[in-house]
Protein backbone atom coordinates (compact mmCIF):
# COMPACT_ATOMS: atom_id res chain seq x y z
CA UNK A 1 1.73 -24.28 -56.47
CA UNK A 2 1.57 -27.51 -54.50
CA UNK A 3 4.11 -26.17 -51.99
CA UNK A 4 1.99 -23.10 -51.34
CA UNK A 5 -1.17 -25.21 -51.02
CA UNK A 6 0.51 -27.48 -48.46
CA UNK A 7 1.78 -24.61 -46.33
CA UNK A 8 -1.46 -22.67 -46.02
CA UNK A 9 -3.27 -25.16 -43.70
CA UNK A 10 -0.27 -25.13 -41.37
CA UNK A 11 -0.26 -21.33 -41.30
CA UNK A 12 -3.99 -21.37 -40.57
CA UNK A 13 -3.51 -23.73 -37.63
CA UNK A 14 -0.69 -21.69 -36.08
CA UNK A 15 -2.85 -18.79 -34.75
CA UNK A 16 -5.34 -21.31 -33.36
CA UNK A 17 -2.59 -23.17 -31.51
CA UNK A 18 -1.19 -19.91 -30.17
CA UNK A 19 -4.64 -18.85 -28.95
CA UNK A 20 -5.16 -22.19 -27.23
CA UNK A 21 -1.72 -21.90 -25.60
CA UNK A 22 -2.51 -18.38 -24.38
CA UNK A 23 -5.81 -19.58 -22.90
CA UNK A 24 -4.04 -22.40 -21.07
CA UNK A 25 -1.41 -19.99 -19.74
CA UNK A 26 -4.15 -17.60 -18.61
CA UNK A 27 -5.96 -20.40 -16.76
CA UNK A 28 -2.74 -21.44 -15.03
CA UNK A 29 -2.05 -17.82 -14.11
CA UNK A 30 -5.52 -17.35 -12.61
CA UNK A 31 -5.10 -20.56 -10.63
CA UNK A 32 -1.84 -19.24 -9.14
CA UNK A 33 -3.40 -15.93 -8.05
CA UNK A 34 -6.67 -17.56 -6.89
CA UNK A 35 -5.62 -18.01 -3.22
CA UNK A 36 -4.50 -14.36 -2.99
CA UNK A 37 -7.66 -13.25 -4.79
CA UNK A 38 -9.86 -15.18 -2.36
CA UNK A 39 -8.03 -13.60 0.57
CA UNK A 40 -8.40 -10.14 -0.99
CA UNK A 41 -12.15 -10.58 -1.42
CA UNK A 42 -12.78 -12.18 2.00
CA UNK A 43 -10.58 -9.92 4.13
CA UNK A 44 -10.62 -6.61 2.24
CA UNK A 45 -13.40 -6.20 -0.34
CA UNK A 46 -16.30 -7.71 1.63
CA UNK A 47 -15.35 -5.99 4.95
CA UNK A 48 -15.11 -2.67 3.10
CA UNK A 49 -18.59 -3.13 1.64
CA UNK A 50 -19.92 -4.15 5.06
CA UNK A 51 -18.27 -1.11 6.69
CA UNK A 52 -19.94 1.15 4.11
CA UNK A 53 -23.32 -0.38 5.03
CA UNK A 54 -22.72 -0.02 8.78
CA UNK A 55 -21.66 3.62 8.30
CA UNK A 56 -25.25 4.37 7.27
CA UNK A 57 -26.64 3.06 10.56
CA UNK A 58 -26.79 3.82 14.28
CA UNK A 59 -25.53 0.60 15.88
CA UNK A 60 -24.12 0.03 19.35
CA UNK A 61 -23.46 -3.74 18.94
CA UNK A 62 -26.18 -4.54 21.50
CA UNK A 63 -29.41 -3.80 19.63
CA UNK A 64 -30.38 -3.99 15.94
CA UNK A 65 -28.88 -1.35 13.69
CA UNK A 66 -31.08 1.65 12.83
CA UNK A 67 -30.80 3.14 9.35
CA UNK A 68 -29.78 6.81 9.50
CA UNK A 69 -28.51 7.34 5.93
CA UNK A 70 -25.85 10.10 5.82
CA UNK A 71 -26.36 11.32 9.38
CA UNK A 72 -23.02 9.92 10.58
CA UNK A 73 -21.16 11.70 7.77
CA UNK A 74 -22.94 14.98 8.54
CA UNK A 75 -22.00 14.65 12.20
CA UNK A 76 -18.44 13.76 11.22
CA UNK A 77 -18.03 17.01 9.28
CA UNK A 78 -18.54 19.01 12.47
CA UNK A 79 -16.57 16.70 14.79
CA UNK A 80 -13.55 18.72 15.92
CA UNK A 81 -11.93 15.74 17.62
CA UNK A 82 -11.94 13.78 14.35
CA UNK A 83 -10.17 16.56 12.48
CA UNK A 84 -7.76 16.98 15.39
CA UNK A 85 -6.93 13.27 15.12
CA UNK A 86 -6.42 13.68 11.37
CA UNK A 87 -4.02 16.56 12.05
CA UNK A 88 -2.11 14.48 14.60
CA UNK A 89 -1.90 11.65 12.08
CA UNK A 90 -0.61 14.03 9.42
CA UNK A 91 2.05 15.30 11.82
CA UNK A 92 3.05 11.72 12.53
CA UNK A 93 3.42 11.08 8.80
CA UNK A 94 5.55 14.21 8.41
CA UNK A 95 7.77 13.20 11.34
CA UNK A 96 8.08 9.62 10.13
CA UNK A 97 8.23 9.35 6.34
CA UNK A 98 10.96 11.89 5.36
CA UNK A 99 13.41 10.63 7.99
CA UNK A 100 12.63 6.97 7.36
CA UNK A 101 12.99 7.34 3.59
CA UNK A 102 16.18 9.42 3.74
CA UNK A 103 17.85 7.10 6.27
CA UNK A 104 16.78 4.02 4.32
CA UNK A 105 18.21 5.43 1.09
CA UNK A 106 21.45 6.43 2.82
CA UNK A 107 21.90 2.98 4.36
CA UNK A 108 21.12 1.31 1.02
CA UNK A 109 23.70 3.40 -0.86
CA UNK A 110 26.34 2.78 1.79
CA UNK A 111 25.57 -0.94 1.76
CA UNK A 112 25.84 -1.01 -2.03
CA UNK A 113 29.16 0.85 -2.08
CA UNK A 114 30.89 -0.30 1.10
CA UNK A 115 29.33 -3.38 2.71
CA UNK A 116 27.65 -5.97 0.51
CA UNK A 117 27.79 -8.77 3.06
CA UNK A 118 24.70 -10.78 3.93
CA UNK A 119 25.44 -10.24 7.63
CA UNK A 120 25.10 -6.48 7.29
CA UNK A 121 21.76 -6.81 5.50
CA UNK A 122 20.56 -9.24 8.16
CA UNK A 123 21.45 -6.77 10.92
CA UNK A 124 19.62 -3.83 9.34
CA UNK A 125 16.47 -5.88 8.65
CA UNK A 126 16.38 -7.41 12.16
CA UNK A 127 14.17 -4.72 13.80
CA UNK A 128 11.53 -5.21 11.10
CA UNK A 129 11.21 -8.87 12.10
CA UNK A 130 9.95 -7.74 15.51
CA UNK A 131 6.23 -7.10 15.73
CA UNK A 132 4.94 -3.57 16.36
CA UNK A 133 3.62 -4.61 19.78
CA UNK A 134 6.95 -6.05 20.93
CA UNK A 135 8.84 -3.04 19.57
CA UNK A 136 6.44 -0.72 21.40
CA UNK A 137 6.84 -2.59 24.69
CA UNK A 138 10.64 -2.62 24.42
CA UNK A 139 10.82 1.11 23.75
CA UNK A 140 8.20 1.82 26.43
CA UNK A 141 10.66 0.44 28.98
CA UNK A 142 13.71 2.07 27.39
CA UNK A 143 12.04 5.50 27.29
CA UNK A 144 10.61 5.32 30.81
CA UNK A 145 11.46 8.60 32.62
CA UNK A 146 12.50 6.80 35.83
CA UNK A 147 13.96 3.41 34.91
CA UNK A 148 14.58 3.75 31.18
CA UNK A 149 18.08 3.11 29.87
CA UNK A 150 17.74 6.02 27.42
CA UNK A 151 17.59 8.63 30.19
CA UNK A 152 20.49 6.94 31.95
CA UNK A 153 22.57 7.34 28.81
CA UNK A 154 21.49 10.97 28.39
CA UNK A 155 22.50 11.69 31.98
CA UNK A 156 25.93 10.18 31.35
CA UNK A 157 26.61 12.61 28.49
CA UNK A 158 25.29 15.63 30.37
CA UNK A 159 21.81 15.90 28.89
CA UNK A 160 18.92 16.20 31.32
CA UNK A 161 16.26 13.53 31.62
CA UNK A 162 13.43 13.64 29.10
CA UNK A 163 9.80 12.62 29.56
CA UNK A 164 9.51 11.15 26.03
CA UNK A 165 6.22 9.21 25.93
CA UNK A 166 4.95 10.98 29.06
CA UNK A 167 5.27 14.46 27.57
CA UNK A 168 2.56 15.98 25.33
CA UNK A 169 5.31 17.74 23.37
CA UNK A 170 7.55 14.68 22.90
CA UNK A 171 5.13 11.74 22.77
CA UNK A 172 4.23 11.90 19.07
CA UNK A 173 7.86 12.39 18.05
CA UNK A 174 8.83 9.43 20.25
CA UNK A 175 6.19 7.21 18.62
CA UNK A 176 7.45 8.27 15.19
CA UNK A 177 11.03 7.48 16.27
CA UNK A 178 9.98 3.96 17.30
CA UNK A 179 8.38 3.45 13.90
CA UNK A 180 11.47 4.74 12.12
CA UNK A 181 13.70 2.38 14.10
CA UNK A 182 11.54 -0.60 13.18
CA UNK A 183 10.93 0.15 9.49
CA UNK A 184 14.10 1.86 8.27
CA UNK A 185 15.89 -1.46 7.70
CA UNK A 186 13.11 -2.78 5.50
CA UNK A 187 13.06 0.49 3.56
CA UNK A 188 16.83 0.25 3.11
CA UNK A 189 16.51 -3.31 1.83
CA UNK A 190 13.96 -2.23 -0.79
CA UNK A 191 16.25 0.55 -1.97
CA UNK A 192 19.21 -1.84 -1.96
CA UNK A 193 17.32 -4.25 -4.23
CA UNK A 194 16.49 -1.36 -6.56
CA UNK A 195 20.13 -0.30 -6.71
CA UNK A 196 21.11 -3.77 -7.93
CA UNK A 197 18.94 -3.31 -11.04
CA UNK A 198 20.83 -0.18 -12.17
CA UNK A 199 23.49 -1.04 -14.79
CA UNK A 200 26.96 -0.44 -13.38
CA UNK A 201 28.34 0.66 -16.75
CA UNK A 202 26.31 3.87 -16.40
CA UNK A 203 28.38 4.81 -13.35
CA UNK A 204 31.61 3.83 -15.11
CA UNK A 205 30.76 6.01 -18.11
CA UNK A 206 29.88 8.91 -15.81
CA UNK A 207 33.22 8.58 -13.96
CA UNK A 208 35.07 8.67 -17.27
CA UNK A 209 33.25 11.93 -18.04
CA UNK A 210 34.41 13.35 -14.71
CA UNK A 211 31.07 13.22 -12.86
CA UNK A 212 31.17 13.55 -9.09
CA UNK A 213 29.53 11.09 -6.70
CA UNK A 214 26.75 13.58 -5.97
CA UNK A 215 26.16 14.18 -9.69
CA UNK A 216 25.90 10.43 -10.33
CA UNK A 217 23.48 10.06 -7.43
CA UNK A 218 21.31 12.94 -8.69
CA UNK A 219 21.40 12.16 -12.42
CA UNK A 220 21.63 8.34 -12.44
CA UNK A 221 20.64 6.78 -9.13
CA UNK A 222 17.54 8.81 -8.25
CA UNK A 223 15.88 8.78 -11.71
CA UNK A 224 16.40 5.03 -12.15
CA UNK A 225 15.34 4.35 -8.56
CA UNK A 226 12.03 6.20 -8.95
CA UNK A 227 9.76 3.10 -9.24
CA UNK A 228 11.16 1.77 -5.96
CA UNK A 229 10.86 5.21 -4.37
CA UNK A 230 7.20 5.40 -5.41
CA UNK A 231 6.51 1.98 -3.91
CA UNK A 232 8.27 2.91 -0.66
CA UNK A 233 6.48 6.24 -0.31
CA UNK A 234 3.02 4.89 -1.15
CA UNK A 235 3.22 1.92 1.21
CA UNK A 236 4.91 3.94 3.98
CA UNK A 237 2.41 6.80 3.85
CA UNK A 238 -0.58 4.44 3.82
CA UNK A 239 0.92 2.46 6.70
CA UNK A 240 1.67 5.61 8.69
CA UNK A 241 -1.90 6.86 8.35
CA UNK A 242 -2.96 3.56 9.93
CA UNK A 243 -0.64 3.71 12.94
CA UNK A 244 -2.27 1.93 15.87
CA UNK A 245 -0.20 -0.86 17.46
CA UNK A 246 2.59 1.28 18.91
CA UNK A 247 0.14 3.86 20.25
CA UNK A 248 -1.98 1.11 21.81
CA UNK A 249 0.92 -0.28 23.87
CA UNK A 250 2.75 2.96 24.68
CA UNK A 251 0.51 6.04 25.04
CA UNK A 252 -3.08 4.91 24.30
CA UNK A 253 -3.76 8.28 22.72
CA UNK A 254 -2.24 10.33 25.53
CA UNK A 255 -0.86 12.23 27.19
CA UNK A 256 -3.60 14.85 26.87
CA UNK A 257 -4.65 13.45 23.49
CA UNK A 258 -1.29 14.31 21.89
CA UNK A 259 -1.05 10.90 20.17
CA UNK A 260 -4.73 10.31 19.44
CA UNK A 261 -4.24 9.35 15.80
CA UNK A 262 -7.27 8.82 13.61
CA UNK A 263 -7.20 5.02 13.86
CA UNK A 264 -7.08 5.21 17.65
CA UNK A 265 -10.03 7.63 17.62
CA UNK A 266 -11.95 5.20 15.41
CA UNK A 267 -11.13 2.38 17.82
CA UNK A 268 -12.36 4.42 20.80
CA UNK A 269 -15.67 5.21 19.14
CA UNK A 270 -16.24 1.64 18.01
CA UNK A 271 -15.27 -0.35 21.11
CA UNK A 272 -15.13 2.13 23.98
CA UNK A 273 -18.21 4.21 23.21
CA UNK A 274 -20.05 1.51 21.16
CA UNK A 275 -20.69 3.85 18.23
CA UNK A 276 -20.03 1.34 15.49
CA UNK A 277 -21.89 3.22 12.76
CA UNK A 278 -20.03 6.44 13.46
CA UNK A 279 -16.69 4.62 13.62
CA UNK A 280 -17.44 2.95 10.27
CA UNK A 281 -18.18 6.34 8.74
CA UNK A 282 -14.79 7.60 9.89
CA UNK A 283 -13.19 4.47 8.43
CA UNK A 284 -14.80 5.12 5.05
CA UNK A 285 -13.63 8.74 5.07
CA UNK A 286 -10.09 7.59 5.89
CA UNK A 287 -10.34 5.00 3.10
CA UNK A 288 -11.23 7.68 0.54
CA UNK A 289 -8.48 10.00 1.82
CA UNK A 290 -5.86 7.25 1.45
CA UNK A 291 -7.01 6.52 -2.10
CA UNK A 292 -6.71 10.21 -3.01
CA UNK A 293 -3.29 10.50 -1.35
CA UNK A 294 -2.05 7.41 -3.20
CA UNK A 295 -3.31 8.66 -6.57
CA UNK A 296 -1.69 12.04 -5.93
CA UNK A 297 1.65 10.41 -5.13
CA UNK A 298 1.47 8.21 -8.22
CA UNK A 299 0.69 11.26 -10.36
CA UNK A 300 3.38 13.55 -8.95
CA UNK A 301 6.09 10.88 -8.90
CA UNK A 302 5.08 9.35 -12.24
CA UNK A 303 4.82 5.94 -10.64
CA UNK A 304 3.82 4.20 -13.87
CA UNK A 305 7.02 5.25 -15.68
CA UNK A 306 10.64 4.20 -15.43
CA UNK A 307 13.83 5.76 -16.80
CA UNK A 308 15.45 2.32 -16.99
CA UNK A 309 15.10 1.31 -20.62
């Protein structure tokens, strides 16, 4: 009896101590994320709210804003140039993402199987360390129809000179190629990190059962790599819809509007034509579209699930 009476106060204190410990851990956790949270609110949440307010106005940056409610959105619905820019952006995404993802996955698998050296990983990530502006300027010179080294190489192997960034038919593909060159190494590194989390004994068991390399890739690698694939696709698609830097330093929306992506069109309306309210409305529409695209990707790819138990 006395033993039970002595133990009950201790048992009663244990949940209280655990609750106090959890509260302390929560406070420490919030303190760690506080700087990032402040940055998120100051540079993302508040500007988004402000952009939503401006989208309801007619403001040219020179005189006070005039409230026009949903007029900008009504005008946007019938703006053919906006929808053309959305189509160009979609084409850019389709040129960019499949090739970038496939090449990144291929490089990651080869690096995991054949070359695990740090030097190799440093080489493939090097282009990503260059800013978009610098990468655009470098390729602008390399793809120049007259003095570019790319056309010199093509001439050496018997291929005629190409206009690349100066051609309405080739400009968007060239911009996408520049983006692929810069980002494929980072994509490969993400896939490589994901491959390291897959237990190697799964491959050994599959080999003992006579599975081919392709079968192991299809039945083991891809299912267990799905969380990384979802992250790569979501971030790459969102980033591609916001392409701006390379276009700004290479084509500036030309030639003949062939690279006028939606972000460049927003920039033109805001700072070239001083239609800040209209540009903000386009930004809000793009914001909603990116949210819907992200949710769709997460749903189709089951981004919240993993086959790695």
